[in-house]
Amino acid sequence: MWWRDALERAVRAGAAAALTGVGAEQLGAVRMSTLRTMLLLGGGGALVSLLLSLAAAGTGDAKSASFADAP
């Protein structure tokens, strides 16, 4: 259950990071010239999310990758 939660969080964070890069390109802040750049941004977001989930292990609810306790 914990791994499922952590992986779901990582996928969502990776997608959000990739979409943020696309949005930044539209504003002219970043140049997303290749698919590789978007994949690197998404992978970085997913990795950071997974590391945060690992840091939260043992705190809060044992079935969740969150720092917070279950309600």
PDB file of N, CA and C in Angstrom:
ATOM      1  N   MET A   1       0.822  -1.193   0.000  1.00  0.00           N
ATOM      2  CA  MET A   1       0.000   0.000   0.000  1.00  0.00           C
ATOM      3  C   MET A   1       0.870   1.263   0.000  1.00  0.00           C
ATOM      4  N   TRP A   2       1.948   1.247   0.796  1.00  0.00           N
ATOM      5  CA  TRP A   2       2.828   2.412   0.871  1.00  0.00           C
ATOM      6  C   TRP A   2       3.495   2.677  -0.478  1.00  0.00           C
ATOM      7  N   TRP A   3       4.021   1.628  -1.113  1.00  0.00           N
ATOM      8  CA  TRP A   3       4.695   1.799  -2.409  1.00  0.00           C
ATOM      9  C   TRP A   3       3.732   2.294  -3.470  1.00  0.00           C
ATOM     10  N   ARG A   4       2.516   1.806  -3.438  1.00  0.00           N
ATOM     11  CA  ARG A   4       1.510   2.252  -4.414  1.00  0.00           C
ATOM     12  C   ARG A   4       1.264   3.750  -4.253  1.00  0.00           C
ATOM     13  N   ASP A   5       1.130   4.191  -3.012  1.00  0.00           N
ATOM     14  CA  ASP A   5       0.919   5.602  -2.730  1.00  0.00           C
ATOM     15  C   ASP A   5       2.128   6.434  -3.176  1.00  0.00           C
ATOM     16  N   ALA A   6       3.321   5.964  -2.854  1.00  0.00           N
ATOM     17  CA  ALA A   6       4.538   6.690  -3.222  1.00  0.00           C
ATOM     18  C   ALA A   6       4.694   6.791  -4.738  1.00  0.00           C
ATOM     19  N   LEU A   7       4.415   5.705  -5.453  1.00  0.00           N
ATOM     20  CA  LEU A   7       4.538   5.727  -6.913  1.00  0.00           C
ATOM     21  C   LEU A   7       3.488   6.628  -7.549  1.00  0.00           C
ATOM     22  N   GLU A   8       2.280   6.620  -7.005  1.00  0.00           N
ATOM     23  CA  GLU A   8       1.239   7.515  -7.530  1.00  0.00           C
ATOM     24  C   GLU A   8       1.665   8.970  -7.361  1.00  0.00           C
ATOM     25  N   ARG A   9       2.198   9.286  -6.198  1.00  0.00           N
ATOM     26  CA  ARG A   9       2.668  10.648  -5.950  1.00  0.00           C
ATOM     27  C   ARG A   9       3.804  11.012  -6.908  1.00  0.00           C
ATOM     28  N   ALA A  10       4.714  10.084  -7.164  1.00  0.00           N
ATOM     29  CA  ALA A  10       5.846  10.341  -8.055  1.00  0.00           C
ATOM     30  C   ALA A  10       5.384  10.572  -9.495  1.00  0.00           C
ATOM     31  N   VAL A  11       4.422   9.789  -9.952  1.00  0.00           N
ATOM     32  CA  VAL A  11       3.911   9.961 -11.320  1.00  0.00           C
ATOM     33  C   VAL A  11       3.241  11.327 -11.460  1.00  0.00           C
ATOM     34  N   ARG A  12       2.428  11.693 -10.469  1.00  0.00           N
ATOM     35  CA  ARG A  12       1.756  12.998 -10.535  1.00  0.00           C
ATOM     36  C   ARG A  12       2.760  14.145 -10.484  1.00  0.00           C
ATOM     37  N   ALA A  13       3.778  14.035  -9.641  1.00  0.00           N
ATOM     38  CA  ALA A  13       4.781  15.093  -9.548  1.00  0.00           C
ATOM     39  C   ALA A  13       5.588  15.198 -10.839  1.00  0.00           C
ATOM     40  N   GLY A  14       5.903  14.054 -11.443  1.00  0.00           N
ATOM     41  CA  GLY A  14       6.636  14.064 -12.710  1.00  0.00           C
ATOM     42  C   GLY A  14       5.838  14.718 -13.814  1.00  0.00           C
ATOM     43  N   ALA A  15       4.556  14.390 -13.889  1.00  0.00           N
ATOM     44  CA  ALA A  15       3.695  15.013 -14.900  1.00  0.00           C
ATOM     45  C   ALA A  15       3.574  16.509 -14.660  1.00  0.00           C
ATOM     46  N   ALA A  16       3.437  16.906 -13.410  1.00  0.00           N
ATOM     47  CA  ALA A  16       3.333  18.330 -13.087  1.00  0.00           C
ATOM     48  C   ALA A  16       4.615  19.072 -13.456  1.00  0.00           C
ATOM     49  N   ALA A  17       5.767  18.468 -13.198  1.00  0.00           N
ATOM     50  CA  ALA A  17       7.038  19.107 -13.536  1.00  0.00           C
ATOM     51  C   ALA A  17       7.186  19.273 -15.044  1.00  0.00           C
ATOM     52  N   ALA A  18       6.818  18.246 -15.796  1.00  0.00           N
ATOM     53  CA  ALA A  18       6.904  18.328 -17.256  1.00  0.00           C
ATOM     54  C   ALA A  18       5.957  19.396 -17.798  1.00  0.00           C
ATOM     55  N   LEU A  19       4.745  19.444 -17.277  1.00  0.00           N
ATOM     56  CA  LEU A  19       3.783  20.448 -17.732  1.00  0.00           C
ATOM     57  C   LEU A  19       4.197  21.857 -17.321  1.00  0.00           C
ATOM     58  N   THR A  20       4.852  21.989 -16.188  1.00  0.00           N
ATOM     59  CA  THR A  20       5.362  23.292 -15.777  1.00  0.00           C
ATOM     60  C   THR A  20       6.428  23.771 -16.758  1.00  0.00           C
ATOM     61  N   GLY A  21       7.261  22.857 -17.226  1.00  0.00           N
ATOM     62  CA  GLY A  21       8.267  23.209 -18.228  1.00  0.00           C
ATOM     63  C   GLY A  21       7.634  23.682 -19.519  1.00  0.00           C
ATOM     64  N   VAL A  22       6.559  23.017 -19.932  1.00  0.00           N
ATOM     65  CA  VAL A  22       5.847  23.429 -21.153  1.00  0.00           C
ATOM     66  C   VAL A  22       5.254  24.820 -20.952  1.00  0.00           C
ATOM     67  N   GLY A  23       4.647  25.051 -19.787  1.00  0.00           N
ATOM     68  CA  GLY A  23       4.088  26.366 -19.502  1.00  0.00           C
ATOM     69  C   GLY A  23       5.147  27.448 -19.451  1.00  0.00           C
ATOM     70  N   ALA A  24       6.300  27.139 -18.866  1.00  0.00           N
ATOM     71  CA  ALA A  24       7.400  28.106 -18.801  1.00  0.00           C
ATOM     72  C   ALA A  24       7.910  28.439 -20.192  1.00  0.00           C
ATOM     73  N   GLU A  25       7.885  27.448 -21.078  1.00  0.00           N
ATOM     74  CA  GLU A  25       8.307  27.703 -22.454  1.00  0.00           C
ATOM     75  C   GLU A  25       7.339  28.674 -23.135  1.00  0.00           C
ATOM     76  N   GLN A  26       6.056  28.506 -22.874  1.00  0.00           N
ATOM     77  CA  GLN A  26       5.063  29.395 -23.474  1.00  0.00           C
ATOM     78  C   GLN A  26       5.260  30.839 -23.009  1.00  0.00           C
ATOM     79  N   LEU A  27       5.755  31.014 -21.789  1.00  0.00           N
ATOM     80  CA  LEU A  27       6.020  32.352 -21.257  1.00  0.00           C
ATOM     81  C   LEU A  27       7.385  32.885 -21.686  1.00  0.00           C
ATOM     82  N   GLY A  28       8.176  32.039 -22.321  1.00  0.00           N
ATOM     83  CA  GLY A  28       9.495  32.445 -22.785  1.00  0.00           C
ATOM     84  C   GLY A  28      10.579  32.318 -21.730  1.00  0.00           C
ATOM     85  N   ALA A  29      10.281  31.679 -20.613  1.00  0.00           N
ATOM     86  CA  ALA A  29      11.257  31.553 -19.529  1.00  0.00           C
ATOM     87  C   ALA A  29      12.240  30.408 -19.760  1.00  0.00           C
ATOM     88  N   VAL A  30      11.800  29.361 -20.445  1.00  0.00           N
ATOM     89  CA  VAL A  30      12.621  28.174 -20.671  1.00  0.00           C
ATOM     90  C   VAL A  30      12.444  27.748 -22.121  1.00  0.00           C
ATOM     91  N   ARG A  31      13.470  27.159 -22.691  1.00  0.00           N
ATOM     92  CA  ARG A  31      13.358  26.634 -24.052  1.00  0.00           C
ATOM     93  C   ARG A  31      13.310  25.116 -23.988  1.00  0.00           C
ATOM     94  N   MET A  32      12.138  24.559 -24.270  1.00  0.00           N
ATOM     95  CA  MET A  32      11.940  23.109 -24.258  1.00  0.00           C
ATOM     96  C   MET A  32      12.161  22.594 -25.682  1.00  0.00           C
ATOM     97  N   SER A  33      13.400  22.593 -26.106  1.00  0.00           N
ATOM     98  CA  SER A  33      13.703  22.292 -27.502  1.00  0.00           C
ATOM     99  C   SER A  33      13.551  20.819 -27.859  1.00  0.00           C
ATOM    100  N   THR A  34      13.626  19.950 -26.870  1.00  0.00           N
ATOM    101  CA  THR A  34      13.569  18.524 -27.178  1.00  0.00           C
ATOM    102  C   THR A  34      12.669  17.777 -26.209  1.00  0.00           C
ATOM    103  N   LEU A  35      12.242  16.630 -26.644  1.00  0.00           N
ATOM    104  CA  LEU A  35      11.479  15.736 -25.768  1.00  0.00           C
ATOM    105  C   LEU A  35      12.347  15.308 -24.592  1.00  0.00           C
ATOM    106  N   ARG A  36      13.624  15.208 -24.823  1.00  0.00           N
ATOM    107  CA  ARG A  36      14.565  14.821 -23.756  1.00  0.00           C
ATOM    108  C   ARG A  36      14.501  15.807 -22.594  1.00  0.00           C
ATOM    109  N   THR A  37      14.414  17.084 -22.900  1.00  0.00           N
ATOM    110  CA  THR A  37      14.330  18.104 -21.855  1.00  0.00           C
ATOM    111  C   THR A  37      13.081  17.911 -21.009  1.00  0.00           C
ATOM    112  N   MET A  38      11.954  17.648 -21.656  1.00  0.00           N
ATOM    113  CA  MET A  38      10.712  17.438 -20.922  1.00  0.00           C
ATOM    114  C   MET A  38      10.792  16.171 -20.078  1.00  0.00           C
ATOM    115  N   LEU A  39      11.388  15.124 -20.615  1.00  0.00           N
ATOM    116  CA  LEU A  39      11.538  13.885 -19.858  1.00  0.00           C
ATOM    117  C   LEU A  39      12.466  14.064 -18.657  1.00  0.00           C
ATOM    118  N   LEU A  40      13.516  14.852 -18.820  1.00  0.00           N
ATOM    119  CA  LEU A  40      14.420  15.128 -17.700  1.00  0.00           C
ATOM    120  C   LEU A  40      13.710  15.910 -16.601  1.00  0.00           C
ATOM    121  N   LEU A  41      12.918  16.898 -16.981  1.00  0.00           N
ATOM    122  CA  LEU A  41      12.157  17.655 -15.986  1.00  0.00           C
ATOM    123  C   LEU A  41      11.164  16.751 -15.261  1.00  0.00           C
ATOM    124  N   GLY A  42      10.442  15.939 -16.010  1.00  0.00           N
ATOM    125  CA  GLY A  42       9.475  15.028 -15.412  1.00  0.00           C
ATOM    126  C   GLY A  42      10.139  13.995 -14.521  1.00  0.00           C
ATOM    127  N   GLY A  43      11.248  13.444 -14.978  1.00  0.00           N
ATOM    128  CA  GLY A  43      11.978  12.461 -14.189  1.00  0.00           C
ATOM    129  C   GLY A  43      12.534  13.066 -12.914  1.00  0.00           C
ATOM    130  N   GLY A  44      13.016  14.298 -12.998  1.00  0.00           N
ATOM    131  CA  GLY A  44      13.520  14.983 -11.814  1.00  0.00           C
ATOM    132  C   GLY A  44      12.419  15.213 -10.796  1.00  0.00           C
ATOM    133  N   GLY A  45      11.257  15.622 -11.267  1.00  0.00           N
ATOM    134  CA  GLY A  45      10.119  15.818 -10.362  1.00  0.00           C
ATOM    135  C   GLY A  45       9.694  14.525  -9.697  1.00  0.00           C
ATOM    136  N   ALA A  46       9.670  13.453 -10.470  1.00  0.00           N
ATOM    137  CA  ALA A  46       9.289  12.150  -9.926  1.00  0.00           C
ATOM    138  C   ALA A  46      10.317  11.665  -8.904  1.00  0.00           C
ATOM    139  N   LEU A  47      11.587  11.867  -9.193  1.00  0.00           N
ATOM    140  CA  LEU A  47      12.639  11.442  -8.272  1.00  0.00           C
ATOM    141  C   LEU A  47      12.562  12.207  -6.947  1.00  0.00           C
ATOM    142  N   VAL A  48      12.371  13.519  -7.028  1.00  0.00           N
ATOM    143  CA  VAL A  48      12.257  14.315  -5.804  1.00  0.00           C
ATOM    144  C   VAL A  48      11.052  13.856  -4.991  1.00  0.00           C
ATOM    145  N   SER A  49       9.937  13.584  -5.651  1.00  0.00           N
ATOM    146  CA  SER A  49       8.744  13.114  -4.953  1.00  0.00           C
ATOM    147  C   SER A  49       9.003  11.781  -4.259  1.00  0.00           C
ATOM    148  N   LEU A  50       9.650  10.872  -4.953  1.00  0.00           N
ATOM    149  CA  LEU A  50       9.949   9.565  -4.354  1.00  0.00           C
ATOM    150  C   LEU A  50      10.896   9.702  -3.158  1.00  0.00           C
ATOM    151  N   LEU A  51      11.876  10.578  -3.267  1.00  0.00           N
ATOM    152  CA  LEU A  51      12.789  10.806  -2.148  1.00  0.00           C
ATOM    153  C   LEU A  51      12.057  11.413  -0.956  1.00  0.00           C
ATOM    154  N   LEU A  52      11.114  12.319  -1.204  1.00  0.00           N
ATOM    155  CA  LEU A  52      10.319  12.877  -0.114  1.00  0.00           C
ATOM    156  C   LEU A  52       9.453  11.807   0.535  1.00  0.00           C
ATOM    157  N   SER A  53       8.905  10.910  -0.271  1.00  0.00           N
ATOM    158  CA  SER A  53       8.115   9.811   0.290  1.00  0.00           C
ATOM    159  C   SER A  53       8.979   8.917   1.159  1.00  0.00           C
ATOM    160  N   LEU A  54      10.193   8.635   0.715  1.00  0.00           N
ATOM    161  CA  LEU A  54      11.108   7.820   1.521  1.00  0.00           C
ATOM    162  C   LEU A  54      11.476   8.534   2.821  1.00  0.00           C
ATOM    163  N   ALA A  55      11.633   9.846   2.755  1.00  0.00           N
ATOM    164  CA  ALA A  55      11.936  10.615   3.960  1.00  0.00           C
ATOM    165  C   ALA A  55      10.767  10.580   4.943  1.00  0.00           C
ATOM    166  N   ALA A  56       9.550  10.470   4.412  1.00  0.00           N
ATOM    167  CA  ALA A  56       8.361  10.438   5.259  1.00  0.00           C
ATOM    168  C   ALA A  56       8.091   9.058   5.849  1.00  0.00           C
ATOM    169  N   ALA A  57       8.774   8.047   5.354  1.00  0.00           N
ATOM    170  CA  ALA A  57       8.554   6.685   5.854  1.00  0.00           C
ATOM    171  C   ALA A  57       8.831   6.647   7.354  1.00  0.00           C
ATOM    172  N   GLY A  58       7.920   6.029   8.073  1.00  0.00           N
ATOM    173  CA  GLY A  58       8.071   5.921   9.513  1.00  0.00           C
ATOM    174  C   GLY A  58       7.456   7.075  10.278  1.00  0.00           C
ATOM    175  N   THR A  59       6.959   8.081   9.559  1.00  0.00           N
ATOM    176  CA  THR A  59       6.252   9.183  10.206  1.00  0.00           C
ATOM    177  C   THR A  59       4.802   9.125   9.770  1.00  0.00           C
ATOM    178  N   GLY A  60       3.936   9.641  10.537  1.00  0.00           N
ATOM    179  CA  GLY A  60       2.528   9.675  10.152  1.00  0.00           C
ATOM    180  C   GLY A  60       1.938   8.288  10.012  1.00  0.00           C
ATOM    181  N   ASP A  61       1.066   8.117   9.042  1.00  0.00           N
ATOM    182  CA  ASP A  61       0.372   6.859   8.775  1.00  0.00           C
ATOM    183  C   ASP A  61       1.321   5.899   8.060  1.00  0.00           C
ATOM    184  N   ALA A  62       1.461   4.688   8.557  1.00  0.00           N
ATOM    185  CA  ALA A  62       2.392   3.708   7.971  1.00  0.00           C
ATOM    186  C   ALA A  62       1.949   3.234   6.592  1.00  0.00           C
ATOM    187  N   LYS A  63       0.683   3.396   6.246  1.00  0.00           N
ATOM    188  CA  LYS A  63       0.179   2.959   4.937  1.00  0.00           C
ATOM    189  C   LYS A  63       0.257   4.043   3.885  1.00  0.00           C
ATOM    190  N   SER A  64       0.698   5.230   4.265  1.00  0.00           N
ATOM    191  CA  SER A  64       0.735   6.365   3.359  1.00  0.00           C
ATOM    192  C   SER A  64       2.170   6.885   3.232  1.00  0.00           C
ATOM    193  N   ALA A  65       2.477   7.457   2.091  1.00  0.00           N
ATOM    194  CA  ALA A  65       3.796   8.056   1.872  1.00  0.00           C
ATOM    195  C   ALA A  65       3.817   9.512   2.291  1.00  0.00           C
ATOM    196  N   SER A  66       2.853   9.916   3.076  1.00  0.00           N
ATOM    197  CA  SER A  66       2.714  11.298   3.538  1.00  0.00           C
ATOM    198  C   SER A  66       3.368  11.489   4.900  1.00  0.00           C
ATOM    199  N   PHE A  67       3.768  12.722   5.186  1.00  0.00           N
ATOM    200  CA  PHE A  67       4.272  13.057   6.513  1.00  0.00           C
ATOM    201  C   PHE A  67       3.132  13.162   7.522  1.00  0.00           C
ATOM    202  N   ALA A  68       1.933  13.421   7.038  1.00  0.00           N
ATOM    203  CA  ALA A  68       0.789  13.660   7.917  1.00  0.00           C
ATOM    204  C   ALA A  68       0.192  12.359   8.445  1.00  0.00           C
ATOM    205  N   ASP A  69      -0.414  12.453   9.626  1.00  0.00           N
ATOM    206  CA  ASP A  69      -1.145  11.314  10.196  1.00  0.00           C
ATOM    207  C   ASP A  69      -2.472  11.158   9.463  1.00  0.00           C
ATOM    208  N   ALA A  70      -2.994   9.945   9.490  1.00  0.00           N
ATOM    209  CA  ALA A  70      -4.312   9.695   8.895  1.00  0.00           C
ATOM    210  C   ALA A  70      -5.371  10.436   9.712  1.00  0.00           C
ATOM    211  N   PRO A  71      -6.420  10.910   9.051  1.00  0.00           N
ATOM    212  CA  PRO A  71      -7.459  11.655   9.777  1.00  0.00           C
ATOM    213  C   PRO A  71      -8.204  10.800  10.776  1.00  0.00           C
TER     214      PRO A  71
END
